[in-house]
Amino acid sequence: MIDTTLIDTLKAIADKEKKLKEYQRRLRIKGKLIAKGRTKKGNITLKIDKEGEDYSFVVIKSHKERYALAEKLQIGRSVSIEGKPKFRMIICTRLKALDKGLMKGNQIRLEKF
């Protein structure tokens, strides 16, 4: 019989690396909700603006809690959202409404006081 301990440890390391790469590939954004819509199948599309760039997320209706929160969100509200990029869209995996909102201040350098 062949000892499979080396193969087992290599497989465990490869599985951990795969999980890390999948987690790193996720998109995490804090921004303002600028548009809301529905797809043909009833899913909700959210358009998020972060510093001039627009991101489109899809909230699938089988995810009950996220879907209910997405229905209640109002346009102009600050949100924190995370998703997996798929073919031509980003599937929402986490959605949270922010209470305080985002800071819109710009930093300037003070020369001479």
PDB file of N, CA and C in Angstrom:
ATOM      1  N   MET A   1       0.832  -1.189   0.000  1.00  0.00           N
ATOM      2  CA  MET A   1       0.000   0.000   0.000  1.00  0.00           C
ATOM      3  C   MET A   1       0.873   1.248   0.000  1.00  0.00           C
ATOM      4  N   ILE A   2       0.353   2.282  -0.646  1.00  0.00           N
ATOM      5  CA  ILE A   2       1.054   3.551  -0.726  1.00  0.00           C
ATOM      6  C   ILE A   2       0.568   4.447   0.414  1.00  0.00           C
ATOM      7  N   ASP A   3       1.507   5.127   1.035  1.00  0.00           N
ATOM      8  CA  ASP A   3       1.167   6.055   2.113  1.00  0.00           C
ATOM      9  C   ASP A   3       0.625   7.349   1.491  1.00  0.00           C
ATOM     10  N   THR A   4      -0.566   7.765   1.850  1.00  0.00           N
ATOM     11  CA  THR A   4      -1.224   8.922   1.217  1.00  0.00           C
ATOM     12  C   THR A   4      -1.194  10.177   2.073  1.00  0.00           C
ATOM     13  N   THR A   5      -0.367  10.219   3.090  1.00  0.00           N
ATOM     14  CA  THR A   5      -0.343  11.401   3.959  1.00  0.00           C
ATOM     15  C   THR A   5       0.124  12.634   3.209  1.00  0.00           C
ATOM     16  N   LEU A   6       1.115  12.485   2.343  1.00  0.00           N
ATOM     17  CA  LEU A   6       1.617  13.632   1.582  1.00  0.00           C
ATOM     18  C   LEU A   6       0.548  14.163   0.626  1.00  0.00           C
ATOM     19  N   ILE A   7      -0.152  13.269  -0.037  1.00  0.00           N
ATOM     20  CA  ILE A   7      -1.223  13.673  -0.957  1.00  0.00           C
ATOM     21  C   ILE A   7      -2.347  14.373  -0.203  1.00  0.00           C
ATOM     22  N   ASP A   8      -2.693  13.854   0.969  1.00  0.00           N
ATOM     23  CA  ASP A   8      -3.758  14.461   1.773  1.00  0.00           C
ATOM     24  C   ASP A   8      -3.386  15.871   2.232  1.00  0.00           C
ATOM     25  N   THR A   9      -2.137  16.047   2.678  1.00  0.00           N
ATOM     26  CA  THR A   9      -1.723  17.389   3.119  1.00  0.00           C
ATOM     27  C   THR A   9      -1.673  18.364   1.952  1.00  0.00           C
ATOM     28  N   LEU A  10      -1.216  17.922   0.786  1.00  0.00           N
ATOM     29  CA  LEU A  10      -1.198  18.788  -0.397  1.00  0.00           C
ATOM     30  C   LEU A  10      -2.613  19.191  -0.812  1.00  0.00           C
ATOM     31  N   LYS A  11      -3.537  18.260  -0.723  1.00  0.00           N
ATOM     32  CA  LYS A  11      -4.922  18.566  -1.075  1.00  0.00           C
ATOM     33  C   LYS A  11      -5.518  19.579  -0.095  1.00  0.00           C
ATOM     34  N   ALA A  12      -5.213  19.444   1.187  1.00  0.00           N
ATOM     35  CA  ALA A  12      -5.715  20.394   2.193  1.00  0.00           C
ATOM     36  C   ALA A  12      -5.155  21.792   1.934  1.00  0.00           C
ATOM     37  N   ILE A  13      -3.877  21.887   1.600  1.00  0.00           N
ATOM     38  CA  ILE A  13      -3.259  23.185   1.305  1.00  0.00           C
ATOM     39  C   ILE A  13      -3.880  23.801   0.050  1.00  0.00           C
ATOM     40  N   ALA A  14      -4.123  22.992  -0.971  1.00  0.00           N
ATOM     41  CA  ALA A  14      -4.728  23.486  -2.214  1.00  0.00           C
ATOM     42  C   ALA A  14      -6.150  23.988  -1.967  1.00  0.00           C
ATOM     43  N   ASP A  15      -6.906  23.314  -1.108  1.00  0.00           N
ATOM     44  CA  ASP A  15      -8.265  23.751  -0.785  1.00  0.00           C
ATOM     45  C   ASP A  15      -8.260  25.091  -0.060  1.00  0.00           C
ATOM     46  N   LYS A  16      -7.321  25.280   0.874  1.00  0.00           N
ATOM     47  CA  LYS A  16      -7.210  26.554   1.582  1.00  0.00           C
ATOM     48  C   LYS A  16      -6.866  27.688   0.615  1.00  0.00           C
ATOM     49  N   GLU A  17      -5.943  27.412  -0.301  1.00  0.00           N
ATOM     50  CA  GLU A  17      -5.540  28.426  -1.270  1.00  0.00           C
ATOM     51  C   GLU A  17      -6.700  28.796  -2.193  1.00  0.00           C
ATOM     52  N   LYS A  18      -7.497  27.824  -2.569  1.00  0.00           N
ATOM     53  CA  LYS A  18      -8.658  28.078  -3.428  1.00  0.00           C
ATOM     54  C   LYS A  18      -9.674  28.965  -2.712  1.00  0.00           C
ATOM     55  N   LYS A  19      -9.911  28.706  -1.417  1.00  0.00           N
ATOM     56  CA  LYS A  19     -10.834  29.532  -0.633  1.00  0.00           C
ATOM     57  C   LYS A  19     -10.336  30.971  -0.534  1.00  0.00           C
ATOM     58  N   LEU A  20      -9.029  31.144  -0.292  1.00  0.00           N
ATOM     59  CA  LEU A  20      -8.461  32.486  -0.194  1.00  0.00           C
ATOM     60  C   LEU A  20      -8.604  33.250  -1.505  1.00  0.00           C
ATOM     61  N   LYS A  21      -8.331  32.598  -2.617  1.00  0.00           N
ATOM     62  CA  LYS A  21      -8.444  33.265  -3.919  1.00  0.00           C
ATOM     63  C   LYS A  21      -9.882  33.655  -4.202  1.00  0.00           C
ATOM     64  N   GLU A  22     -10.827  32.798  -3.849  1.00  0.00           N
ATOM     65  CA  GLU A  22     -12.235  33.116  -4.055  1.00  0.00           C
ATOM     66  C   GLU A  22     -12.657  34.307  -3.201  1.00  0.00           C
ATOM     67  N   TYR A  23     -12.160  34.364  -1.962  1.00  0.00           N
ATOM     68  CA  TYR A  23     -12.494  35.475  -1.071  1.00  0.00           C
ATOM     69  C   TYR A  23     -11.875  36.781  -1.569  1.00  0.00           C
ATOM     70  N   GLN A  24     -10.655  36.726  -2.076  1.00  0.00           N
ATOM     71  CA  GLN A  24      -9.983  37.922  -2.580  1.00  0.00           C
ATOM     72  C   GLN A  24     -10.646  38.454  -3.845  1.00  0.00           C
ATOM     73  N   ARG A  25     -11.262  37.600  -4.619  1.00  0.00           N
ATOM     74  CA  ARG A  25     -11.895  38.002  -5.870  1.00  0.00           C
ATOM     75  C   ARG A  25     -13.195  38.767  -5.647  1.00  0.00           C
ATOM     76  N   ARG A  26     -13.743  38.701  -4.445  1.00  0.00           N
ATOM     77  CA  ARG A  26     -15.002  39.387  -4.156  1.00  0.00           C
ATOM     78  C   ARG A  26     -14.825  40.896  -4.162  1.00  0.00           C
ATOM     79  N   LEU A  27     -15.856  41.583  -4.582  1.00  0.00           N
ATOM     80  CA  LEU A  27     -15.853  43.040  -4.649  1.00  0.00           C
ATOM     81  C   LEU A  27     -16.532  43.590  -3.406  1.00  0.00           C
ATOM     82  N   ARG A  28     -15.860  44.488  -2.694  1.00  0.00           N
ATOM     83  CA  ARG A  28     -16.434  45.111  -1.495  1.00  0.00           C
ATOM     84  C   ARG A  28     -16.491  46.607  -1.724  1.00  0.00           C
ATOM     85  N   ILE A  29     -17.685  47.186  -1.592  1.00  0.00           N
ATOM     86  CA  ILE A  29     -17.877  48.600  -1.920  1.00  0.00           C
ATOM     87  C   ILE A  29     -18.748  49.261  -0.859  1.00  0.00           C
ATOM     88  N   LYS A  30     -18.380  50.491  -0.508  1.00  0.00           N
ATOM     89  CA  LYS A  30     -19.243  51.364   0.285  1.00  0.00           C
ATOM     90  C   LYS A  30     -19.552  52.551  -0.607  1.00  0.00           C
ATOM     91  N   GLY A  31     -20.834  52.769  -0.863  1.00  0.00           N
ATOM     92  CA  GLY A  31     -21.223  53.862  -1.742  1.00  0.00           C
ATOM     93  C   GLY A  31     -22.684  54.215  -1.580  1.00  0.00           C
ATOM     94  N   LYS A  32     -23.169  55.045  -2.521  1.00  0.00           N
ATOM     95  CA  LYS A  32     -24.573  55.478  -2.485  1.00  0.00           C
ATOM     96  C   LYS A  32     -25.369  54.735  -3.543  1.00  0.00           C
ATOM     97  N   LEU A  33     -26.592  54.400  -3.184  1.00  0.00           N
ATOM     98  CA  LEU A  33     -27.508  53.759  -4.111  1.00  0.00           C
ATOM     99  C   LEU A  33     -28.066  54.826  -5.047  1.00  0.00           C
ATOM    100  N   ILE A  34     -27.812  54.682  -6.362  1.00  0.00           N
ATOM    101  CA  ILE A  34     -28.287  55.706  -7.300  1.00  0.00           C
ATOM    102  C   ILE A  34     -29.435  55.218  -8.172  1.00  0.00           C
ATOM    103  N   ALA A  35     -29.604  53.908  -8.307  1.00  0.00           N
ATOM    104  CA  ALA A  35     -30.715  53.393  -9.109  1.00  0.00           C
ATOM    105  C   ALA A  35     -31.089  51.997  -8.628  1.00  0.00           C
ATOM    106  N   LYS A  36     -32.367  51.677  -8.821  1.00  0.00           N
ATOM    107  CA  LYS A  36     -32.902  50.388  -8.409  1.00  0.00           C
ATOM    108  C   LYS A  36     -33.829  49.897  -9.515  1.00  0.00           C
ATOM    109  N   GLY A  37     -33.793  48.608  -9.813  1.00  0.00           N
ATOM    110  CA  GLY A  37     -34.667  48.076 -10.847  1.00  0.00           C
ATOM    111  C   GLY A  37     -34.914  46.598 -10.651  1.00  0.00           C
ATOM    112  N   ARG A  38     -35.643  46.016 -11.580  1.00  0.00           N
ATOM    113  CA  ARG A  38     -35.950  44.583 -11.536  1.00  0.00           C
ATOM    114  C   ARG A  38     -35.584  43.938 -12.864  1.00  0.00           C
ATOM    115  N   THR A  39     -35.214  42.669 -12.783  1.00  0.00           N
ATOM    116  CA  THR A  39     -34.934  41.903 -13.992  1.00  0.00           C
ATOM    117  C   THR A  39     -36.212  41.195 -14.438  1.00  0.00           C
ATOM    118  N   LYS A  40     -36.136  40.496 -15.561  1.00  0.00           N
ATOM    119  CA  LYS A  40     -37.305  39.764 -16.070  1.00  0.00           C
ATOM    120  C   LYS A  40     -37.768  38.684 -15.101  1.00  0.00           C
ATOM    121  N   LYS A  41     -36.816  38.064 -14.401  1.00  0.00           N
ATOM    122  CA  LYS A  41     -37.146  36.966 -13.494  1.00  0.00           C
ATOM    123  C   LYS A  41     -37.505  37.423 -12.091  1.00  0.00           C
ATOM    124  N   GLY A  42     -37.512  38.737 -11.835  1.00  0.00           N
ATOM    125  CA  GLY A  42     -37.937  39.246 -10.542  1.00  0.00           C
ATOM    126  C   GLY A  42     -36.816  39.567  -9.579  1.00  0.00           C
ATOM    127  N   ASN A  43     -35.564  39.405  -9.989  1.00  0.00           N
ATOM    128  CA  ASN A  43     -34.438  39.779  -9.133  1.00  0.00           C
ATOM    129  C   ASN A  43     -34.297  41.297  -9.111  1.00  0.00           C
ATOM    130  N   ILE A  44     -33.626  41.824  -8.104  1.00  0.00           N
ATOM    131  CA  ILE A  44     -33.455  43.271  -7.962  1.00  0.00           C
ATOM    132  C   ILE A  44     -32.048  43.665  -8.406  1.00  0.00           C
ATOM    133  N   THR A  45     -31.959  44.718  -9.220  1.00  0.00           N
ATOM    134  CA  THR A  45     -30.664  45.263  -9.612  1.00  0.00           C
ATOM    135  C   THR A  45     -30.432  46.560  -8.854  1.00  0.00           C
ATOM    136  N   LEU A  46     -29.238  46.694  -8.304  1.00  0.00           N
ATOM    137  CA  LEU A  46     -28.860  47.891  -7.572  1.00  0.00           C
ATOM    138  C   LEU A  46     -27.656  48.522  -8.264  1.00  0.00           C
ATOM    139  N   LYS A  47     -27.720  49.821  -8.482  1.00  0.00           N
ATOM    140  CA  LYS A  47     -26.597  50.539  -9.064  1.00  0.00           C
ATOM    141  C   LYS A  47     -25.994  51.405  -7.972  1.00  0.00           C
ATOM    142  N   ILE A  48     -24.715  51.147  -7.652  1.00  0.00           N
ATOM    143  CA  ILE A  48     -24.018  51.816  -6.564  1.00  0.00           C
ATOM    144  C   ILE A  48     -22.966  52.751  -7.145  1.00  0.00           C
ATOM    145  N   ASP A  49     -22.907  53.975  -6.612  1.00  0.00           N
ATOM    146  CA  ASP A  49     -21.920  54.951  -7.040  1.00  0.00           C
ATOM    147  C   ASP A  49     -20.863  55.086  -5.950  1.00  0.00           C
ATOM    148  N   LYS A  50     -19.596  54.870  -6.339  1.00  0.00           N
ATOM    149  CA  LYS A  50     -18.483  55.050  -5.405  1.00  0.00           C
ATOM    150  C   LYS A  50     -17.440  55.920  -6.085  1.00  0.00           C
ATOM    151  N   GLU A  51     -17.346  57.155  -5.625  1.00  0.00           N
ATOM    152  CA  GLU A  51     -16.354  58.108  -6.110  1.00  0.00           C
ATOM    153  C   GLU A  51     -16.359  58.229  -7.631  1.00  0.00           C
ATOM    154  N   GLY A  52     -17.530  58.373  -8.217  1.00  0.00           N
ATOM    155  CA  GLY A  52     -17.645  58.588  -9.649  1.00  0.00           C
ATOM    156  C   GLY A  52     -17.748  57.329 -10.494  1.00  0.00           C
ATOM    157  N   GLU A  53     -17.520  56.162  -9.930  1.00  0.00           N
ATOM    158  CA  GLU A  53     -17.640  54.911 -10.673  1.00  0.00           C
ATOM    159  C   GLU A  53     -18.942  54.212 -10.288  1.00  0.00           C
ATOM    160  N   ASP A  54     -19.611  53.637 -11.289  1.00  0.00           N
ATOM    161  CA  ASP A  54     -20.871  52.934 -11.057  1.00  0.00           C
ATOM    162  C   ASP A  54     -20.648  51.425 -11.094  1.00  0.00           C
ATOM    163  N   TYR A  55     -21.260  50.729 -10.160  1.00  0.00           N
ATOM    164  CA  TYR A  55     -21.207  49.273 -10.083  1.00  0.00           C
ATOM    165  C   TYR A  55     -22.636  48.751 -10.062  1.00  0.00           C
ATOM    166  N   SER A  56     -22.914  47.708 -10.839  1.00  0.00           N
ATOM    167  CA  SER A  56     -24.248  47.106 -10.884  1.00  0.00           C
ATOM    168  C   SER A  56     -24.229  45.758 -10.166  1.00  0.00           C
ATOM    169  N   PHE A  57     -25.104  45.610  -9.189  1.00  0.00           N
ATOM    170  CA  PHE A  57     -25.221  44.376  -8.421  1.00  0.00           C
ATOM    171  C   PHE A  57     -26.606  43.783  -8.647  1.00  0.00           C
ATOM    172  N   VAL A  58     -26.688  42.459  -8.553  1.00  0.00           N
ATOM    173  CA  VAL A  58     -27.966  41.759  -8.661  1.00  0.00           C
ATOM    174  C   VAL A  58     -28.224  41.024  -7.352  1.00  0.00           C
ATOM    175  N   VAL A  59     -29.387  41.278  -6.749  1.00  0.00           N
ATOM    176  CA  VAL A  59     -29.805  40.574  -5.532  1.00  0.00           C
ATOM    177  C   VAL A  59     -30.815  39.521  -5.958  1.00  0.00           C
ATOM    178  N   ILE A  60     -30.465  38.263  -5.758  1.00  0.00           N
ATOM    179  CA  ILE A  60     -31.308  37.151  -6.207  1.00  0.00           C
ATOM    180  C   ILE A  60     -32.451  36.945  -5.227  1.00  0.00           C
ATOM    181  N   LYS A  61     -33.638  36.686  -5.762  1.00  0.00           N
ATOM    182  CA  LYS A  61     -34.818  36.600  -4.891  1.00  0.00           C
ATOM    183  C   LYS A  61     -34.839  35.368  -3.999  1.00  0.00           C
ATOM    184  N   SER A  62     -34.002  34.375  -4.261  1.00  0.00           N
ATOM    185  CA  SER A  62     -33.943  33.212  -3.367  1.00  0.00           C
ATOM    186  C   SER A  62     -33.211  33.526  -2.066  1.00  0.00           C
ATOM    187  N   HIS A  63     -32.450  34.621  -2.034  1.00  0.00           N
ATOM    188  CA  HIS A  63     -31.808  35.075  -0.799  1.00  0.00           C
ATOM    189  C   HIS A  63     -32.777  36.016  -0.085  1.00  0.00           C
ATOM    190  N   LYS A  64     -33.610  35.468   0.750  1.00  0.00           N
ATOM    191  CA  LYS A  64     -34.768  36.171   1.311  1.00  0.00           C
ATOM    192  C   LYS A  64     -34.413  37.437   2.092  1.00  0.00           C
ATOM    193  N   GLU A  65     -33.441  37.363   3.006  1.00  0.00           N
ATOM    194  CA  GLU A  65     -33.129  38.519   3.857  1.00  0.00           C
ATOM    195  C   GLU A  65     -32.558  39.671   3.040  1.00  0.00           C
ATOM    196  N   ARG A  66     -31.600  39.359   2.155  1.00  0.00           N
ATOM    197  CA  ARG A  66     -31.006  40.406   1.314  1.00  0.00           C
ATOM    198  C   ARG A  66     -32.032  40.991   0.360  1.00  0.00           C
ATOM    199  N   TYR A  67     -32.899  40.159  -0.152  1.00  0.00           N
ATOM    200  CA  TYR A  67     -33.931  40.611  -1.089  1.00  0.00           C
ATOM    201  C   TYR A  67     -34.905  41.569  -0.396  1.00  0.00           C
ATOM    202  N   ALA A  68     -35.301  41.235   0.837  1.00  0.00           N
ATOM    203  CA  ALA A  68     -36.214  42.093   1.590  1.00  0.00           C
ATOM    204  C   ALA A  68     -35.561  43.435   1.906  1.00  0.00           C
ATOM    205  N   LEU A  69     -34.284  43.419   2.266  1.00  0.00           N
ATOM    206  CA  LEU A  69     -33.570  44.667   2.545  1.00  0.00           C
ATOM    207  C   LEU A  69     -33.415  45.505   1.281  1.00  0.00           C
ATOM    208  N   ALA A  70     -33.137  44.864   0.164  1.00  0.00           N
ATOM    209  CA  ALA A  70     -32.979  45.587  -1.100  1.00  0.00           C
ATOM    210  C   ALA A  70     -34.292  46.235  -1.531  1.00  0.00           C
ATOM    211  N   GLU A  71     -35.410  45.601  -1.242  1.00  0.00           N
ATOM    212  CA  GLU A  71     -36.707  46.193  -1.576  1.00  0.00           C
ATOM    213  C   GLU A  71     -36.966  47.449  -0.754  1.00  0.00           C
ATOM    214  N   LYS A  72     -36.534  47.450   0.510  1.00  0.00           N
ATOM    215  CA  LYS A  72     -36.794  48.576   1.406  1.00  0.00           C
ATOM    216  C   LYS A  72     -35.851  49.756   1.184  1.00  0.00           C
ATOM    217  N   LEU A  73     -34.684  49.522   0.585  1.00  0.00           N
ATOM    218  CA  LEU A  73     -33.695  50.588   0.418  1.00  0.00           C
ATOM    219  C   LEU A  73     -34.244  51.712  -0.449  1.00  0.00           C
ATOM    220  N   GLN A  74     -33.903  52.941  -0.058  1.00  0.00           N
ATOM    221  CA  GLN A  74     -34.324  54.111  -0.818  1.00  0.00           C
ATOM    222  C   GLN A  74     -33.145  54.647  -1.607  1.00  0.00           C
ATOM    223  N   ILE A  75     -33.433  55.256  -2.733  1.00  0.00           N
ATOM    224  CA  ILE A  75     -32.387  55.831  -3.571  1.00  0.00           C
ATOM    225  C   ILE A  75     -31.741  56.994  -2.822  1.00  0.00           C
ATOM    226  N   GLY A  76     -30.407  57.062  -2.875  1.00  0.00           N
ATOM    227  CA  GLY A  76     -29.659  58.082  -2.166  1.00  0.00           C
ATOM    228  C   GLY A  76     -29.119  57.601  -0.832  1.00  0.00           C
ATOM    229  N   ARG A  77     -29.476  56.406  -0.424  1.00  0.00           N
ATOM    230  CA  ARG A  77     -29.035  55.840   0.854  1.00  0.00           C
ATOM    231  C   ARG A  77     -27.630  55.259   0.714  1.00  0.00           C
ATOM    232  N   SER A  78     -26.828  55.368   1.748  1.00  0.00           N
ATOM    233  CA  SER A  78     -25.488  54.789   1.759  1.00  0.00           C
ATOM    234  C   SER A  78     -25.572  53.312   2.116  1.00  0.00           C
ATOM    235  N   VAL A  79     -24.835  52.482   1.369  1.00  0.00           N
ATOM    236  CA  VAL A  79     -24.859  51.039   1.593  1.00  0.00           C
ATOM    237  C   VAL A  79     -23.437  50.480   1.561  1.00  0.00           C
ATOM    238  N   SER A  80     -23.284  49.345   2.200  1.00  0.00           N
ATOM    239  CA  SER A  80     -22.072  48.551   2.116  1.00  0.00           C
ATOM    240  C   SER A  80     -22.481  47.241   1.456  1.00  0.00           C
ATOM    241  N   ILE A  81     -21.795  46.879   0.372  1.00  0.00           N
ATOM    242  CA  ILE A  81     -22.219  45.723  -0.409  1.00  0.00           C
ATOM    243  C   ILE A  81     -21.003  44.909  -0.820  1.00  0.00           C
ATOM    244  N   GLU A  82     -21.191  43.606  -0.906  1.00  0.00           N
ATOM    245  CA  GLU A  82     -20.131  42.686  -1.309  1.00  0.00           C
ATOM    246  C   GLU A  82     -20.718  41.727  -2.326  1.00  0.00           C
ATOM    247  N   GLY A  83     -19.921  41.344  -3.330  1.00  0.00           N
ATOM    248  CA  GLY A  83     -20.447  40.445  -4.340  1.00  0.00           C
ATOM    249  C   GLY A  83     -19.376  39.683  -5.088  1.00  0.00           C
ATOM    250  N   LYS A  84     -19.819  38.613  -5.762  1.00  0.00           N
ATOM    251  CA  LYS A  84     -18.950  37.797  -6.598  1.00  0.00           C
ATOM    252  C   LYS A  84     -19.161  38.194  -8.051  1.00  0.00           C
ATOM    253  N   PRO A  85     -18.098  38.540  -8.760  1.00  0.00           N
ATOM    254  CA  PRO A  85     -18.258  38.847 -10.183  1.00  0.00           C
ATOM    255  C   PRO A  85     -18.570  37.578 -10.979  1.00  0.00           C
ATOM    256  N   LYS A  86     -19.641  37.618 -11.720  1.00  0.00           N
ATOM    257  CA  LYS A  86     -20.009  36.539 -12.631  1.00  0.00           C
ATOM    258  C   LYS A  86     -20.102  37.128 -14.031  1.00  0.00           C
ATOM    259  N   PHE A  87     -20.542  36.367 -14.978  1.00  0.00           N
ATOM    260  CA  PHE A  87     -20.620  36.802 -16.359  1.00  0.00           C
ATOM    261  C   PHE A  87     -21.555  38.006 -16.494  1.00  0.00           C
ATOM    262  N   ARG A  88     -21.006  39.175 -16.792  1.00  0.00           N
ATOM    263  CA  ARG A  88     -21.711  40.446 -17.026  1.00  0.00           C
ATOM    264  C   ARG A  88     -22.457  41.011 -15.835  1.00  0.00           C
ATOM    265  N   MET A  89     -22.305  40.460 -14.634  1.00  0.00           N
ATOM    266  CA  MET A  89     -22.987  41.016 -13.471  1.00  0.00           C
ATOM    267  C   MET A  89     -22.234  40.643 -12.209  1.00  0.00           C
ATOM    268  N   ILE A  90     -22.591  41.288 -11.118  1.00  0.00           N
ATOM    269  CA  ILE A  90     -22.005  40.986  -9.819  1.00  0.00           C
ATOM    270  C   ILE A  90     -23.137  40.492  -8.918  1.00  0.00           C
ATOM    271  N   ILE A  91     -23.035  39.264  -8.452  1.00  0.00           N
ATOM    272  CA  ILE A  91     -24.054  38.665  -7.590  1.00  0.00           C
ATOM    273  C   ILE A  91     -23.795  39.118  -6.154  1.00  0.00           C
ATOM    274  N   CYS A  92     -24.799  39.698  -5.520  1.00  0.00           N
ATOM    275  CA  CYS A  92     -24.668  40.223  -4.164  1.00  0.00           C
ATOM    276  C   CYS A  92     -24.594  39.069  -3.158  1.00  0.00           C
ATOM    277  N   THR A  93     -23.554  39.108  -2.300  1.00  0.00           N
ATOM    278  CA  THR A  93     -23.423  38.100  -1.251  1.00  0.00           C
ATOM    279  C   THR A  93     -23.624  38.693   0.135  1.00  0.00           C
ATOM    280  N   ARG A  94     -23.521  40.022   0.252  1.00  0.00           N
ATOM    281  CA  ARG A  94     -23.767  40.679   1.533  1.00  0.00           C
ATOM    282  C   ARG A  94     -24.254  42.096   1.265  1.00  0.00           C
ATOM    283  N   LEU A  95     -25.264  42.523   1.988  1.00  0.00           N
ATOM    284  CA  LEU A  95     -25.834  43.853   1.816  1.00  0.00           C
ATOM    285  C   LEU A  95     -26.144  44.438   3.184  1.00  0.00           C
ATOM    286  N   LYS A  96     -25.733  45.691   3.389  1.00  0.00           N
ATOM    287  CA  LYS A  96     -25.961  46.339   4.670  1.00  0.00           C
ATOM    288  C   LYS A  96     -26.220  47.818   4.430  1.00  0.00           C
ATOM    289  N   ALA A  97     -27.259  48.349   5.047  1.00  0.00           N
ATOM    290  CA  ALA A  97     -27.545  49.777   4.957  1.00  0.00           C
ATOM    291  C   ALA A  97     -26.743  50.492   6.037  1.00  0.00           C
ATOM    292  N   LEU A  98     -26.048  51.558   5.640  1.00  0.00           N
ATOM    293  CA  LEU A  98     -25.235  52.313   6.593  1.00  0.00           C
ATOM    294  C   LEU A  98     -26.070  53.424   7.212  1.00  0.00           C
ATOM    295  N   ASP A  99     -25.975  53.583   8.533  1.00  0.00           N
ATOM    296  CA  ASP A  99     -26.766  54.580   9.237  1.00  0.00           C
ATOM    297  C   ASP A  99     -26.183  55.983   9.105  1.00  0.00           C
ATOM    298  N   LYS A 100     -24.876  56.102   9.261  1.00  0.00           N
ATOM    299  CA  LYS A 100     -24.251  57.412   9.292  1.00  0.00           C
ATOM    300  C   LYS A 100     -24.067  58.034   7.912  1.00  0.00           C
ATOM    301  N   GLY A 101     -23.963  57.240   6.889  1.00  0.00           N
ATOM    302  CA  GLY A 101     -23.702  57.764   5.553  1.00  0.00           C
ATOM    303  C   GLY A 101     -22.209  57.876   5.311  1.00  0.00           C
ATOM    304  N   LEU A 102     -21.856  58.298   4.122  1.00  0.00           N
ATOM    305  CA  LEU A 102     -20.459  58.407   3.747  1.00  0.00           C
ATOM    306  C   LEU A 102     -19.995  59.846   3.817  1.00  0.00           C
ATOM    307  N   MET A 103     -18.737  60.037   4.140  1.00  0.00           N
ATOM    308  CA  MET A 103     -18.154  61.365   4.193  1.00  0.00           C
ATOM    309  C   MET A 103     -17.884  61.845   2.765  1.00  0.00           C
ATOM    310  N   LYS A 104     -18.236  63.076   2.475  1.00  0.00           N
ATOM    311  CA  LYS A 104     -18.002  63.643   1.152  1.00  0.00           C
ATOM    312  C   LYS A 104     -16.933  64.728   1.184  1.00  0.00           C
ATOM    313  N   GLY A 105     -16.133  64.814   2.257  1.00  0.00           N
ATOM    314  CA  GLY A 105     -15.141  65.874   2.394  1.00  0.00           C
ATOM    315  C   GLY A 105     -13.909  65.631   1.543  1.00  0.00           C
ATOM    316  N   ASN A 106     -13.255  66.704   1.145  1.00  0.00           N
ATOM    317  CA  ASN A 106     -11.998  66.626   0.432  1.00  0.00           C
ATOM    318  C   ASN A 106     -10.911  67.177   1.334  1.00  0.00           C
ATOM    319  N   GLN A 107      -9.763  66.546   1.291  1.00  0.00           N
ATOM    320  CA  GLN A 107      -8.656  67.023   2.093  1.00  0.00           C
ATOM    321  C   GLN A 107      -7.865  68.058   1.311  1.00  0.00           C
ATOM    322  N   ILE A 108      -7.446  69.104   1.999  1.00  0.00           N
ATOM    323  CA  ILE A 108      -6.596  70.106   1.373  1.00  0.00           C
ATOM    324  C   ILE A 108      -5.376  70.306   2.252  1.00  0.00           C
ATOM    325  N   ARG A 109      -4.292  70.704   1.641  1.00  0.00           N
ATOM    326  CA  ARG A 109      -3.052  70.912   2.366  1.00  0.00           C
ATOM    327  C   ARG A 109      -2.960  72.357   2.821  1.00  0.00           C
ATOM    328  N   LEU A 110      -2.699  72.557   4.093  1.00  0.00           N
ATOM    329  CA  LEU A 110      -2.531  73.893   4.626  1.00  0.00           C
ATOM    330  C   LEU A 110      -1.084  74.340   4.407  1.00  0.00           C
ATOM    331  N   GLU A 111      -0.904  75.424   3.704  1.00  0.00           N
ATOM    332  CA  GLU A 111       0.455  75.909   3.406  1.00  0.00           C
ATOM    333  C   GLU A 111       1.035  76.658   4.602  1.00  0.00           C
ATOM    334  N   LYS A 112       0.757  77.916   4.660  1.00  0.00           N
ATOM    335  CA  LYS A 112       1.272  78.719   5.775  1.00  0.00           C
ATOM    336  C   LYS A 112       0.100  79.264   6.555  1.00  0.00           C
ATOM    337  N   PHE A 113       0.173  79.147   7.824  1.00  0.00           N
ATOM    338  CA  PHE A 113      -0.941  79.534   8.660  1.00  0.00           C
ATOM    339  C   PHE A 113      -0.851  80.936   9.100  1.00  0.00           C
TER     340      PHE A 113
END
